Amino acid sequence: MDESVDLTSLARGTPGFSGADLANLVNEAALFAGRRNKIKVDQSDFEDAKDKIYMGPERRSMVMHEDEKRATAYHEAGHAIVAESLPFTDPVHKVTIMPRGRALGLTWQLPERDRISMYKDQMLSQLSILFGGRIAEDIFIGRISTGASNDFERATQMAREMVTRYGMSDKMGVMVYTENEDEVFLGRSITRSQNISEKTQQEIDAEIRRILDEQYQVAYKILDENRDKMEIMCKALMDWETIDRDQVLEIMAGKQPSPPKDYSHNLRQDNPEQSETEAATQAPEAVSQHEPASTETAQEPTDKAQELSDKPEDQA
C-alpha cells in the first residue's frame, strides 16, 4: 500500500461496510492498480474502487456532447458551491462529471463523524444543496434540463417529512400528520382511513411549498454571489472531469485549482534501469535537442473516476 493512502478518508466514505465489503474494496483497488501497471495500491485506486462499488463502473464509452458535458459541470458545481457555503453541511469530498451507472455526474459529501440524528438546520441546508444544480443551469446556461428531477424528488420528500413527521414547522406544530408508509399489503392501503381534513392537507402543502421556496432562494443568492468560483470549478471539471477536496478548497478560496495528483512514481518500470555510464553517454544528446527541462517531467492530467438517480438522464 502506497503512503498516499488516507485510511481515515476511506473509513468516512464507507459507513456500514462489513468485513466482506471492505475486503471487496481492497480487492477492487488492487485490480485497478494491477491494470494500471503499478507496484503499489495508492489513494486513486481506492477511490475508484469505492466509486465502482457504490455506483458501478465508469461509462467511458458514453459519448456526451460538449454542451451536455458543460451543463453537467455547472450542475455539479452548483451543488458543491452551495454545500461549501452553508453551515451544518458535510464537506465536499469529490465532484465529478464522469458518467457512472445511471448518473451523469456526482457531488460526493463525506460526514466528519457518525451521524445519529438530523437537525432542522442541517435539513434546510440540504434542501438548498439539492436545488443548487437546477439553479446553476438556470443562471449560467439559461436553459433547464431534466437532470434535477431526482434532486426535486428528494427535496420534496424531505420537506414533507419535516412538516408531517418531525414537527419542524411552526405553523403546523408538533402533530404527526402521516401514517407509517412502509405498509406493503395492498388491502390495508386501500382500506386505510384519512386522519386529516382537506383543509389541513392544503395547509400542509402550502407549508411544504414555503420551505422549498425559501431554500431555493437561499441557494440562488449563493450562486449569484459566487459566479467567479462557479466558472473556475466548471473549467476544472471540463479539463479533468474529477476534482478532489483539496482542489475544491482552493476554488472556494478564490484560487486556481492545482492539477490532479501525479502518481507516476508508483508505475512499474518494465525496462531495466540504465547504468550510470549509459546515462552519461546519452545526456549530451538530450541537451542538444534544446528541449526545456520542464517538458521531460510534465504530464497531462489523467481522468479519474464518483445520492444516485433512478433515471439515466438524472444527475446526482
C-alpha atoms as a PDB file:
ATOM      1  CA  MET A   1       0.000   0.000   0.000  1.00  0.00           C
ATOM      2  CA  ASP A   2       1.328   3.403  -1.009  1.00  0.00           C
ATOM      3  CA  GLU A   3       1.988   6.035   1.654  1.00  0.00           C
ATOM      4  CA  SER A   4      -0.545   8.326  -0.084  1.00  0.00           C
ATOM      5  CA  VAL A   5      -3.495   6.240   1.132  1.00  0.00           C
ATOM      6  CA  ASP A   6      -5.643   8.090   3.689  1.00  0.00           C
ATOM      7  CA  LEU A   7      -7.391   5.388   5.703  1.00  0.00           C
ATOM      8  CA  THR A   8      -9.427   7.948   7.665  1.00  0.00           C
ATOM      9  CA  SER A   9     -10.919   9.298   4.442  1.00  0.00           C
ATOM     10  CA  LEU A  10     -11.716   5.788   3.262  1.00  0.00           C
ATOM     11  CA  ALA A  11     -13.393   4.997   6.583  1.00  0.00           C
ATOM     12  CA  ARG A  12     -15.554   8.133   6.328  1.00  0.00           C
ATOM     13  CA  GLY A  13     -16.583   7.132   2.808  1.00  0.00           C
ATOM     14  CA  THR A  14     -17.544   3.553   3.662  1.00  0.00           C
ATOM     15  CA  PRO A  15     -20.026   3.751   6.565  1.00  0.00           C
ATOM     16  CA  GLY A  16     -21.756   0.493   7.374  1.00  0.00           C
ATOM     17  CA  PHE A  17     -19.350  -1.663   5.360  1.00  0.00           C
ATOM     18  CA  SER A  18     -18.979  -5.196   6.698  1.00  0.00           C
ATOM     19  CA  GLY A  19     -15.690  -7.080   6.737  1.00  0.00           C
ATOM     20  CA  ALA A  20     -16.606  -8.695   3.413  1.00  0.00           C
ATOM     21  CA  ASP A  21     -17.428  -5.303   1.909  1.00  0.00           C
ATOM     22  CA  LEU A  22     -14.059  -3.916   2.976  1.00  0.00           C
ATOM     23  CA  ALA A  23     -12.315  -6.995   1.594  1.00  0.00           C
ATOM     24  CA  ASN A  24     -14.094  -6.394  -1.714  1.00  0.00           C
ATOM     25  CA  LEU A  25     -12.963  -2.756  -1.638  1.00  0.00           C
ATOM     26  CA  VAL A  26      -9.333  -3.777  -1.164  1.00  0.00           C
ATOM     27  CA  ASN A  27      -9.614  -6.393  -3.902  1.00  0.00           C
ATOM     28  CA  GLU A  28     -11.089  -3.926  -6.404  1.00  0.00           C
ATOM     29  CA  ALA A  29      -8.386  -1.372  -5.549  1.00  0.00           C
ATOM     30  CA  ALA A  30      -5.686  -4.000  -6.152  1.00  0.00           C
ATOM     31  CA  LEU A  31      -7.243  -4.830  -9.525  1.00  0.00           C
ATOM     32  CA  PHE A  32      -7.211  -1.143 -10.504  1.00  0.00           C
ATOM     33  CA  ALA A  33      -3.549  -0.874  -9.507  1.00  0.00           C
ATOM     34  CA  GLY A  34      -2.680  -4.002 -11.478  1.00  0.00           C
ATOM     35  CA  ARG A  35      -4.415  -2.775 -14.633  1.00  0.00           C
ATOM     36  CA  ARG A  36      -2.503   0.483 -14.347  1.00  0.00           C
ATOM     37  CA  ASN A  37       0.841  -1.303 -14.036  1.00  0.00           C
ATOM     38  CA  LYS A  38       1.536  -0.005 -10.532  1.00  0.00           C
ATOM     39  CA  ILE A  39       3.741  -1.546  -7.896  1.00  0.00           C
ATOM     40  CA  LYS A  40       1.607  -0.219  -5.002  1.00  0.00           C
ATOM     41  CA  VAL A  41      -2.078   0.455  -4.395  1.00  0.00           C
ATOM     42  CA  ASP A  42      -2.496   4.218  -3.927  1.00  0.00           C
ATOM     43  CA  GLN A  43      -5.314   6.574  -2.961  1.00  0.00           C
ATOM     44  CA  SER A  44      -6.668   6.927  -6.500  1.00  0.00           C
ATOM     45  CA  ASP A  45      -7.097   3.147  -6.772  1.00  0.00           C
ATOM     46  CA  PHE A  46      -9.072   3.015  -3.527  1.00  0.00           C
ATOM     47  CA  GLU A  47     -11.223   5.985  -4.582  1.00  0.00           C
ATOM     48  CA  ASP A  48     -12.026   4.373  -7.932  1.00  0.00           C
ATOM     49  CA  ALA A  49     -12.796   1.064  -6.213  1.00  0.00           C
ATOM     50  CA  LYS A  50     -15.159   2.793  -3.781  1.00  0.00           C
ATOM     51  CA  ASP A  51     -16.919   4.616  -6.607  1.00  0.00           C
ATOM     52  CA  LYS A  52     -17.319   1.386  -8.572  1.00  0.00           C
ATOM     53  CA  ILE A  53     -18.857  -0.422  -5.589  1.00  0.00           C
ATOM     54  CA  TYR A  54     -21.294   2.410  -4.887  1.00  0.00           C
ATOM     55  CA  MET A  55     -22.220   3.431  -8.429  1.00  0.00           C
ATOM     56  CA  GLY A  56     -20.901   0.909 -10.912  1.00  0.00           C
ATOM     57  CA  PRO A  57     -18.028   1.176 -13.401  1.00  0.00           C
ATOM     58  CA  GLU A  58     -17.198   4.256 -15.424  1.00  0.00           C
ATOM     59  CA  ARG A  59     -19.151   4.624 -18.656  1.00  0.00           C
ATOM     60  CA  ARG A  60     -16.268   5.890 -20.774  1.00  0.00           C
ATOM     61  CA  SER A  61     -17.945   4.550 -23.890  1.00  0.00           C
ATOM     62  CA  MET A  62     -20.811   7.002 -23.357  1.00  0.00           C
ATOM     63  CA  VAL A  63     -20.437   9.884 -25.786  1.00  0.00           C
ATOM     64  CA  MET A  64     -21.535  13.230 -24.344  1.00  0.00           C
ATOM     65  CA  HIS A  65     -21.873  16.340 -26.449  1.00  0.00           C
ATOM     66  CA  GLU A  66     -19.733  19.251 -25.305  1.00  0.00           C
ATOM     67  CA  ASP A  67     -22.830  21.265 -24.343  1.00  0.00           C
ATOM     68  CA  GLU A  68     -24.211  18.414 -22.238  1.00  0.00           C
ATOM     69  CA  LYS A  69     -20.855  17.939 -20.561  1.00  0.00           C
ATOM     70  CA  ARG A  70     -20.663  21.635 -19.724  1.00  0.00           C
ATOM     71  CA  ALA A  71     -24.230  21.621 -18.398  1.00  0.00           C
ATOM     72  CA  THR A  72     -23.358  18.685 -16.146  1.00  0.00           C
ATOM     73  CA  ALA A  73     -20.261  20.535 -14.935  1.00  0.00           C
ATOM     74  CA  TYR A  74     -22.305  23.607 -13.984  1.00  0.00           C
ATOM     75  CA  HIS A  75     -24.930  21.384 -12.357  1.00  0.00           C
ATOM     76  CA  GLU A  76     -22.445  19.579 -10.107  1.00  0.00           C
ATOM     77  CA  ALA A  77     -20.509  22.774  -9.398  1.00  0.00           C
ATOM     78  CA  GLY A  78     -23.775  24.328  -8.221  1.00  0.00           C
ATOM     79  CA  HIS A  79     -24.250  21.552  -5.673  1.00  0.00           C
ATOM     80  CA  ALA A  80     -20.654  21.856  -4.473  1.00  0.00           C
ATOM     81  CA  ILE A  81     -20.543  25.658  -4.139  1.00  0.00           C
ATOM     82  CA  VAL A  82     -23.789  25.743  -2.144  1.00  0.00           C
ATOM     83  CA  ALA A  83     -22.620  22.879   0.074  1.00  0.00           C
ATOM     84  CA  GLU A  84     -19.353  24.663   0.890  1.00  0.00           C
ATOM     85  CA  SER A  85     -21.100  27.998   1.531  1.00  0.00           C
ATOM     86  CA  LEU A  86     -23.690  26.859   4.068  1.00  0.00           C
ATOM     87  CA  PRO A  87     -23.262  25.865   7.737  1.00  0.00           C
ATOM     88  CA  PHE A  88     -24.141  22.447   9.137  1.00  0.00           C
ATOM     89  CA  THR A  89     -23.195  20.587   5.937  1.00  0.00           C
ATOM     90  CA  ASP A  90     -20.796  17.729   5.302  1.00  0.00           C
ATOM     91  CA  PRO A  91     -17.548  18.673   3.486  1.00  0.00           C
ATOM     92  CA  VAL A  92     -17.458  18.098  -0.264  1.00  0.00           C
ATOM     93  CA  HIS A  93     -15.089  15.185  -0.848  1.00  0.00           C
ATOM     94  CA  LYS A  94     -15.247  14.897  -4.623  1.00  0.00           C
ATOM     95  CA  VAL A  95     -17.017  16.379  -7.638  1.00  0.00           C
ATOM     96  CA  THR A  96     -17.110  14.511 -10.928  1.00  0.00           C
ATOM     97  CA  ILE A  97     -18.817  14.623 -14.313  1.00  0.00           C
ATOM     98  CA  MET A  98     -17.697  11.110 -15.229  1.00  0.00           C
ATOM     99  CA  PRO A  99     -20.847   9.048 -16.017  1.00  0.00           C
ATOM    100  CA  ARG A 100     -21.275   6.056 -13.710  1.00  0.00           C
ATOM    101  CA  GLY A 101     -24.235   3.741 -13.548  1.00  0.00           C
ATOM    102  CA  ARG A 102     -27.348   5.880 -14.040  1.00  0.00           C
ATOM    103  CA  ALA A 103     -25.733   9.175 -13.033  1.00  0.00           C
ATOM    104  CA  LEU A 104     -24.090  11.665 -15.386  1.00  0.00           C
ATOM    105  CA  GLY A 105     -22.240  13.317 -12.521  1.00  0.00           C
ATOM    106  CA  LEU A 106     -21.979  13.392  -8.769  1.00  0.00           C
ATOM    107  CA  THR A 107     -21.130  15.670  -5.876  1.00  0.00           C
ATOM    108  CA  TRP A 108     -19.915  13.480  -3.032  1.00  0.00           C
ATOM    109  CA  GLN A 109     -20.060  14.711   0.571  1.00  0.00           C
ATOM    110  CA  LEU A 110     -18.497  12.742   3.428  1.00  0.00           C
ATOM    111  CA  PRO A 111     -19.551  13.165   7.075  1.00  0.00           C
ATOM    112  CA  GLU A 112     -16.834  14.093   9.550  1.00  0.00           C
ATOM    113  CA  ARG A 113     -18.245  11.727  12.190  1.00  0.00           C
ATOM    114  CA  ASP A 114     -21.011   9.180  12.692  1.00  0.00           C
ATOM    115  CA  ARG A 115     -24.446  10.768  12.499  1.00  0.00           C
ATOM    116  CA  ILE A 116     -27.246   9.633  14.772  1.00  0.00           C
ATOM    117  CA  SER A 117     -29.888  12.305  14.200  1.00  0.00           C
ATOM    118  CA  MET A 118     -30.626  15.022  11.666  1.00  0.00           C
ATOM    119  CA  TYR A 119     -31.385  18.555  12.874  1.00  0.00           C
ATOM    120  CA  LYS A 120     -33.650  21.129  11.290  1.00  0.00           C
ATOM    121  CA  ASP A 121     -30.824  23.466  10.249  1.00  0.00           C
ATOM    122  CA  GLN A 122     -28.986  20.554   8.643  1.00  0.00           C
ATOM    123  CA  MET A 123     -32.058  19.539   6.675  1.00  0.00           C
ATOM    124  CA  LEU A 124     -32.702  23.103   5.498  1.00  0.00           C
ATOM    125  CA  SER A 125     -29.117  23.353   4.253  1.00  0.00           C
ATOM    126  CA  GLN A 126     -29.511  20.013   2.487  1.00  0.00           C
ATOM    127  CA  LEU A 127     -32.576  21.332   0.673  1.00  0.00           C
ATOM    128  CA  SER A 128     -30.568  24.285  -0.635  1.00  0.00           C
ATOM    129  CA  ILE A 129     -27.796  21.943  -1.797  1.00  0.00           C
ATOM    130  CA  LEU A 130     -30.296  19.848  -3.750  1.00  0.00           C
ATOM    131  CA  PHE A 131     -31.548  22.979  -5.541  1.00  0.00           C
ATOM    132  CA  GLY A 132     -28.017  24.125  -6.447  1.00  0.00           C
ATOM    133  CA  GLY A 133     -27.838  22.047  -9.622  1.00  0.00           C
ATOM    134  CA  ARG A 134     -31.013  23.396 -11.227  1.00  0.00           C
ATOM    135  CA  ILE A 135     -30.217  26.984 -10.223  1.00  0.00           C
ATOM    136  CA  ALA A 136     -26.742  26.698 -11.779  1.00  0.00           C
ATOM    137  CA  GLU A 137     -28.289  25.568 -15.060  1.00  0.00           C
ATOM    138  CA  ASP A 138     -30.731  28.471 -14.978  1.00  0.00           C
ATOM    139  CA  ILE A 139     -28.114  31.144 -14.176  1.00  0.00           C
ATOM    140  CA  PHE A 140     -25.121  30.024 -16.248  1.00  0.00           C
ATOM    141  CA  ILE A 141     -26.709  28.189 -19.165  1.00  0.00           C
ATOM    142  CA  GLY A 142     -30.076  29.875 -19.459  1.00  0.00           C
ATOM    143  CA  ARG A 143     -31.786  26.535 -20.017  1.00  0.00           C
ATOM    144  CA  ILE A 144     -33.129  23.952 -17.593  1.00  0.00           C
ATOM    145  CA  SER A 145     -32.965  20.194 -18.117  1.00  0.00           C
ATOM    146  CA  THR A 146     -34.446  17.019 -16.660  1.00  0.00           C
ATOM    147  CA  GLY A 147     -31.226  16.389 -14.731  1.00  0.00           C
ATOM    148  CA  ALA A 148     -32.615  17.804 -11.482  1.00  0.00           C
ATOM    149  CA  SER A 149     -35.666  15.538 -11.278  1.00  0.00           C
ATOM    150  CA  ASN A 150     -34.166  13.273  -8.619  1.00  0.00           C
ATOM    151  CA  ASP A 151     -32.982  16.319  -6.649  1.00  0.00           C
ATOM    152  CA  PHE A 152     -36.546  17.656  -6.597  1.00  0.00           C
ATOM    153  CA  GLU A 153     -37.982  14.310  -5.536  1.00  0.00           C
ATOM    154  CA  ARG A 154     -35.598  14.083  -2.588  1.00  0.00           C
ATOM    155  CA  ALA A 155     -36.138  17.733  -1.621  1.00  0.00           C
ATOM    156  CA  THR A 156     -39.933  17.413  -1.696  1.00  0.00           C
ATOM    157  CA  GLN A 157     -39.868  14.204   0.343  1.00  0.00           C
ATOM    158  CA  MET A 158     -37.538  15.753   2.923  1.00  0.00           C
ATOM    159  CA  ALA A 159     -39.670  18.894   3.284  1.00  0.00           C
ATOM    160  CA  ARG A 160     -42.838  16.801   3.588  1.00  0.00           C
ATOM    161  CA  GLU A 161     -41.330  14.713   6.382  1.00  0.00           C
ATOM    162  CA  MET A 162     -40.169  17.868   8.168  1.00  0.00           C
ATOM    163  CA  VAL A 163     -43.754  19.132   8.219  1.00  0.00           C
ATOM    164  CA  THR A 164     -45.752  15.923   8.691  1.00  0.00           C
ATOM    165  CA  ARG A 165     -43.463  13.677  10.774  1.00  0.00           C
ATOM    166  CA  TYR A 166     -40.758  15.637  12.570  1.00  0.00           C
ATOM    167  CA  GLY A 167     -42.717  18.649  13.852  1.00  0.00           C
ATOM    168  CA  MET A 168     -40.292  21.126  12.245  1.00  0.00           C
ATOM    169  CA  SER A 169     -42.957  23.567  11.077  1.00  0.00           C
ATOM    170  CA  ASP A 170     -44.028  26.371  13.407  1.00  0.00           C
ATOM    171  CA  LYS A 171     -47.351  26.701  11.596  1.00  0.00           C
ATOM    172  CA  MET A 172     -48.328  23.022  11.687  1.00  0.00           C
ATOM    173  CA  GLY A 173     -46.923  22.390  15.169  1.00  0.00           C
ATOM    174  CA  VAL A 174     -45.691  19.102  16.596  1.00  0.00           C
ATOM    175  CA  MET A 175     -48.596  16.935  15.477  1.00  0.00           C
ATOM    176  CA  VAL A 176     -47.868  13.950  13.222  1.00  0.00           C
ATOM    177  CA  TYR A 177     -49.961  14.172  10.059  1.00  0.00           C
ATOM    178  CA  THR A 178     -48.918  10.974   8.336  1.00  0.00           C
ATOM    179  CA  GLU A 179     -49.140   7.273   8.994  1.00  0.00           C
ATOM    180  CA  ASN A 180     -46.473   4.639   8.532  1.00  0.00           C
ATOM    181  CA  GLU A 181     -45.896   4.496   4.778  1.00  0.00           C
ATOM    182  CA  ASP A 182     -43.964   1.235   4.920  1.00  0.00           C
ATOM    183  CA  GLU A 183     -47.157  -0.845   4.693  1.00  0.00           C
ATOM    184  CA  VAL A 184     -46.818  -3.331   1.841  1.00  0.00           C
ATOM    185  CA  PHE A 185     -50.190  -5.061   1.947  1.00  0.00           C
ATOM    186  CA  LEU A 186     -52.428  -3.776  -0.811  1.00  0.00           C
ATOM    187  CA  GLY A 187     -55.660  -4.496   1.032  1.00  0.00           C
ATOM    188  CA  ARG A 188     -54.537  -2.486   4.069  1.00  0.00           C
ATOM    189  CA  SER A 189     -53.571   0.506   1.923  1.00  0.00           C
ATOM    190  CA  ILE A 190     -56.940   0.536   0.215  1.00  0.00           C
ATOM    191  CA  THR A 191     -58.941   0.470   3.430  1.00  0.00           C
ATOM    192  CA  ARG A 192     -56.723   2.946   5.295  1.00  0.00           C
ATOM    193  CA  SER A 193     -58.705   5.914   6.592  1.00  0.00           C
ATOM    194  CA  GLN A 194     -57.642   9.513   6.183  1.00  0.00           C
ATOM    195  CA  ASN A 195     -56.978  11.164   9.549  1.00  0.00           C
ATOM    196  CA  ILE A 196     -56.678  14.770   8.395  1.00  0.00           C
ATOM    197  CA  SER A 197     -59.165  17.088   6.766  1.00  0.00           C
ATOM    198  CA  GLU A 198     -58.890  18.502   3.281  1.00  0.00           C
ATOM    199  CA  LYS A 199     -58.247  21.979   4.708  1.00  0.00           C
ATOM    200  CA  THR A 200     -55.383  20.680   6.842  1.00  0.00           C
ATOM    201  CA  GLN A 201     -53.912  18.929   3.816  1.00  0.00           C
ATOM    202  CA  GLN A 202     -53.958  22.195   1.908  1.00  0.00           C
ATOM    203  CA  GLU A 203     -52.156  23.918   4.786  1.00  0.00           C
ATOM    204  CA  ILE A 204     -49.537  21.151   4.805  1.00  0.00           C
ATOM    205  CA  ASP A 205     -48.984  21.542   1.069  1.00  0.00           C
ATOM    206  CA  ALA A 206     -48.642  25.317   1.449  1.00  0.00           C
ATOM    207  CA  GLU A 207     -46.114  24.906   4.273  1.00  0.00           C
ATOM    208  CA  ILE A 208     -44.051  22.433   2.242  1.00  0.00           C
ATOM    209  CA  ARG A 209     -44.072  24.852  -0.681  1.00  0.00           C
ATOM    210  CA  ARG A 210     -42.964  27.714   1.587  1.00  0.00           C
ATOM    211  CA  ILE A 211     -39.983  25.763   2.919  1.00  0.00           C
ATOM    212  CA  LEU A 212     -38.879  24.699  -0.558  1.00  0.00           C
ATOM    213  CA  ASP A 213     -39.237  28.222  -1.989  1.00  0.00           C
ATOM    214  CA  GLU A 214     -37.237  29.773   0.852  1.00  0.00           C
ATOM    215  CA  GLN A 215     -34.343  27.325   0.488  1.00  0.00           C
ATOM    216  CA  TYR A 216     -34.411  27.742  -3.288  1.00  0.00           C
ATOM    217  CA  GLN A 217     -33.860  31.477  -2.814  1.00  0.00           C
ATOM    218  CA  VAL A 218     -31.018  30.808  -0.359  1.00  0.00           C
ATOM    219  CA  ALA A 219     -29.211  28.674  -2.948  1.00  0.00           C
ATOM    220  CA  TYR A 220     -29.925  31.193  -5.724  1.00  0.00           C
ATOM    221  CA  LYS A 221     -28.338  34.024  -3.749  1.00  0.00           C
ATOM    222  CA  ILE A 222     -25.217  31.956  -3.004  1.00  0.00           C
ATOM    223  CA  LEU A 223     -24.599  31.037  -6.640  1.00  0.00           C
ATOM    224  CA  ASP A 224     -25.375  34.531  -7.895  1.00  0.00           C
ATOM    225  CA  GLU A 225     -22.758  35.957  -5.497  1.00  0.00           C
ATOM    226  CA  ASN A 226     -20.136  33.328  -6.412  1.00  0.00           C
ATOM    227  CA  ARG A 227     -20.199  33.415 -10.187  1.00  0.00           C
ATOM    228  CA  ASP A 228     -16.410  33.581 -10.390  1.00  0.00           C
ATOM    229  CA  LYS A 229     -15.964  30.415  -8.330  1.00  0.00           C
ATOM    230  CA  MET A 230     -18.584  28.660 -10.422  1.00  0.00           C
ATOM    231  CA  GLU A 231     -16.693  29.450 -13.604  1.00  0.00           C
ATOM    232  CA  ILE A 232     -13.398  28.232 -12.125  1.00  0.00           C
ATOM    233  CA  MET A 233     -14.924  24.960 -10.920  1.00  0.00           C
ATOM    234  CA  CYS A 234     -16.722  24.367 -14.205  1.00  0.00           C
ATOM    235  CA  LYS A 235     -13.491  24.827 -16.149  1.00  0.00           C
ATOM    236  CA  ALA A 236     -11.647  22.454 -13.789  1.00  0.00           C
ATOM    237  CA  LEU A 237     -14.320  19.800 -14.286  1.00  0.00           C
ATOM    238  CA  MET A 238     -14.223  20.226 -18.043  1.00  0.00           C
ATOM    239  CA  ASP A 239     -10.434  19.821 -18.026  1.00  0.00           C
ATOM    240  CA  TRP A 240     -10.059  16.972 -15.512  1.00  0.00           C
ATOM    241  CA  GLU A 241     -13.606  15.557 -15.112  1.00  0.00           C
ATOM    242  CA  THR A 242     -12.986  14.957 -11.380  1.00  0.00           C
ATOM    243  CA  ILE A 243     -11.730  17.274  -8.633  1.00  0.00           C
ATOM    244  CA  ASP A 244     -10.996  16.346  -5.022  1.00  0.00           C
ATOM    245  CA  ARG A 245     -11.296  18.043  -1.638  1.00  0.00           C
ATOM    246  CA  ASP A 246      -8.055  20.000  -1.899  1.00  0.00           C
ATOM    247  CA  GLN A 247      -9.000  21.451  -5.269  1.00  0.00           C
ATOM    248  CA  VAL A 248     -12.477  22.381  -4.015  1.00  0.00           C
ATOM    249  CA  LEU A 249     -10.929  24.288  -1.101  1.00  0.00           C
ATOM    250  CA  GLU A 250      -8.586  26.148  -3.453  1.00  0.00           C
ATOM    251  CA  ILE A 251     -11.534  27.193  -5.613  1.00  0.00           C
ATOM    252  CA  MET A 252     -13.546  28.337  -2.592  1.00  0.00           C
ATOM    253  CA  ALA A 253     -10.545  30.458  -1.558  1.00  0.00           C
ATOM    254  CA  GLY A 254     -10.650  32.183  -4.951  1.00  0.00           C
ATOM    255  CA  LYS A 255      -7.545  30.428  -6.276  1.00  0.00           C
ATOM    256  CA  GLN A 256      -6.924  28.415  -9.392  1.00  0.00           C
ATOM    257  CA  PRO A 257      -7.031  24.695  -8.505  1.00  0.00           C
ATOM    258  CA  SER A 258      -3.852  22.641  -8.630  1.00  0.00           C
ATOM    259  CA  PRO A 259      -3.617  19.852 -11.235  1.00  0.00           C
ATOM    260  CA  PRO A 260      -4.630  16.350 -10.133  1.00  0.00           C
ATOM    261  CA  LYS A 261      -2.110  14.465  -8.038  1.00  0.00           C
ATOM    262  CA  ASP A 262       0.609  12.664 -10.000  1.00  0.00           C
ATOM    263  CA  TYR A 263       1.128   9.011  -9.075  1.00  0.00           C
ATOM    264  CA  SER A 264       3.645   8.282 -11.827  1.00  0.00           C
ATOM    265  CA  HIS A 265       6.284   7.429  -9.214  1.00  0.00           C
ATOM    266  CA  ASN A 266       4.237   4.328  -8.473  1.00  0.00           C
ATOM    267  CA  LEU A 267       4.341   2.922 -12.003  1.00  0.00           C
ATOM    268  CA  ARG A 268       6.210  -0.284 -12.651  1.00  0.00           C
ATOM    269  CA  GLN A 269       9.271   0.191 -14.842  1.00  0.00           C
ATOM    270  CA  ASP A 270       9.324  -2.607 -17.424  1.00  0.00           C
ATOM    271  CA  ASN A 271      12.732  -1.648 -18.839  1.00  0.00           C
ATOM    272  CA  PRO A 272      15.890  -2.303 -16.794  1.00  0.00           C
ATOM    273  CA  GLU A 273      17.498   0.730 -15.247  1.00  0.00           C
ATOM    274  CA  GLN A 274      20.272   2.313 -17.238  1.00  0.00           C
ATOM    275  CA  SER A 275      23.738   2.268 -15.864  1.00  0.00           C
ATOM    276  CA  GLU A 276      25.444   5.496 -14.917  1.00  0.00           C
ATOM    277  CA  THR A 277      27.709   5.142 -17.962  1.00  0.00           C
ATOM    278  CA  GLU A 278      24.764   4.858 -20.350  1.00  0.00           C
ATOM    279  CA  ALA A 279      23.044   7.820 -18.740  1.00  0.00           C
ATOM    280  CA  ALA A 280      26.171   9.942 -19.007  1.00  0.00           C
ATOM    281  CA  THR A 281      26.578   8.938 -22.655  1.00  0.00           C
ATOM    282  CA  GLN A 282      23.043   9.951 -23.542  1.00  0.00           C
ATOM    283  CA  ALA A 283      23.000  13.175 -21.524  1.00  0.00           C
ATOM    284  CA  PRO A 284      24.739  15.380 -24.138  1.00  0.00           C
ATOM    285  CA  GLU A 285      22.343  14.162 -26.823  1.00  0.00           C
ATOM    286  CA  ALA A 286      19.338  15.176 -24.716  1.00  0.00           C
ATOM    287  CA  VAL A 287      20.798  18.643 -24.169  1.00  0.00           C
ATOM    288  CA  SER A 288      21.453  19.076 -27.872  1.00  0.00           C
ATOM    289  CA  GLN A 289      17.779  18.809 -28.624  1.00  0.00           C
ATOM    290  CA  HIS A 290      17.211  22.192 -26.909  1.00  0.00           C
ATOM    291  CA  GLU A 291      14.120  20.971 -25.088  1.00  0.00           C
ATOM    292  CA  PRO A 292      13.095  22.728 -21.876  1.00  0.00           C
ATOM    293  CA  ALA A 293      13.795  20.683 -18.792  1.00  0.00           C
ATOM    294  CA  SER A 294      10.170  21.027 -17.689  1.00  0.00           C
ATOM    295  CA  THR A 295       8.895  19.069 -20.669  1.00  0.00           C
ATOM    296  CA  GLU A 296      10.692  15.936 -19.547  1.00  0.00           C
ATOM    297  CA  THR A 297       8.544  15.525 -16.451  1.00  0.00           C
ATOM    298  CA  ALA A 298       5.364  17.374 -17.412  1.00  0.00           C
ATOM    299  CA  GLN A 299       2.335  15.142 -17.809  1.00  0.00           C
ATOM    300  CA  GLU A 300      -1.183  15.912 -18.846  1.00  0.00           C
ATOM    301  CA  PRO A 301      -3.804  15.416 -16.113  1.00  0.00           C
ATOM    302  CA  THR A 302      -5.348  11.980 -16.277  1.00  0.00           C
ATOM    303  CA  ASP A 303      -9.040  11.238 -15.919  1.00  0.00           C
ATOM    304  CA  LYS A 304     -10.043   9.848 -12.550  1.00  0.00           C
ATOM    305  CA  ALA A 305     -13.151   8.062 -11.574  1.00  0.00           C
ATOM    306  CA  GLN A 306     -17.880   9.283  -8.265  1.00  0.00           C
ATOM    307  CA  GLU A 307     -27.392  10.097  -3.712  1.00  0.00           C
ATOM    308  CA  LEU A 308     -27.964   8.459  -7.190  1.00  0.00           C
ATOM    309  CA  SER A 309     -30.841   8.941  -9.552  1.00  0.00           C
ATOM    310  CA  ASP A 310     -33.300   6.420 -10.849  1.00  0.00           C
ATOM    311  CA  LYS A 311     -33.185   7.635 -14.459  1.00  0.00           C
ATOM    312  CA  PRO A 312     -30.297   7.617 -16.943  1.00  0.00           C
ATOM    313  CA  GLU A 313     -30.611  11.315 -17.641  1.00  0.00           C
ATOM    314  CA  ASP A 314     -30.578  12.355 -13.992  1.00  0.00           C
ATOM    315  CA  GLN A 315     -27.627  13.926 -12.289  1.00  0.00           C
ATOM    316  CA  ALA A 316     -26.924  13.314  -8.650  1.00  0.00           C
END
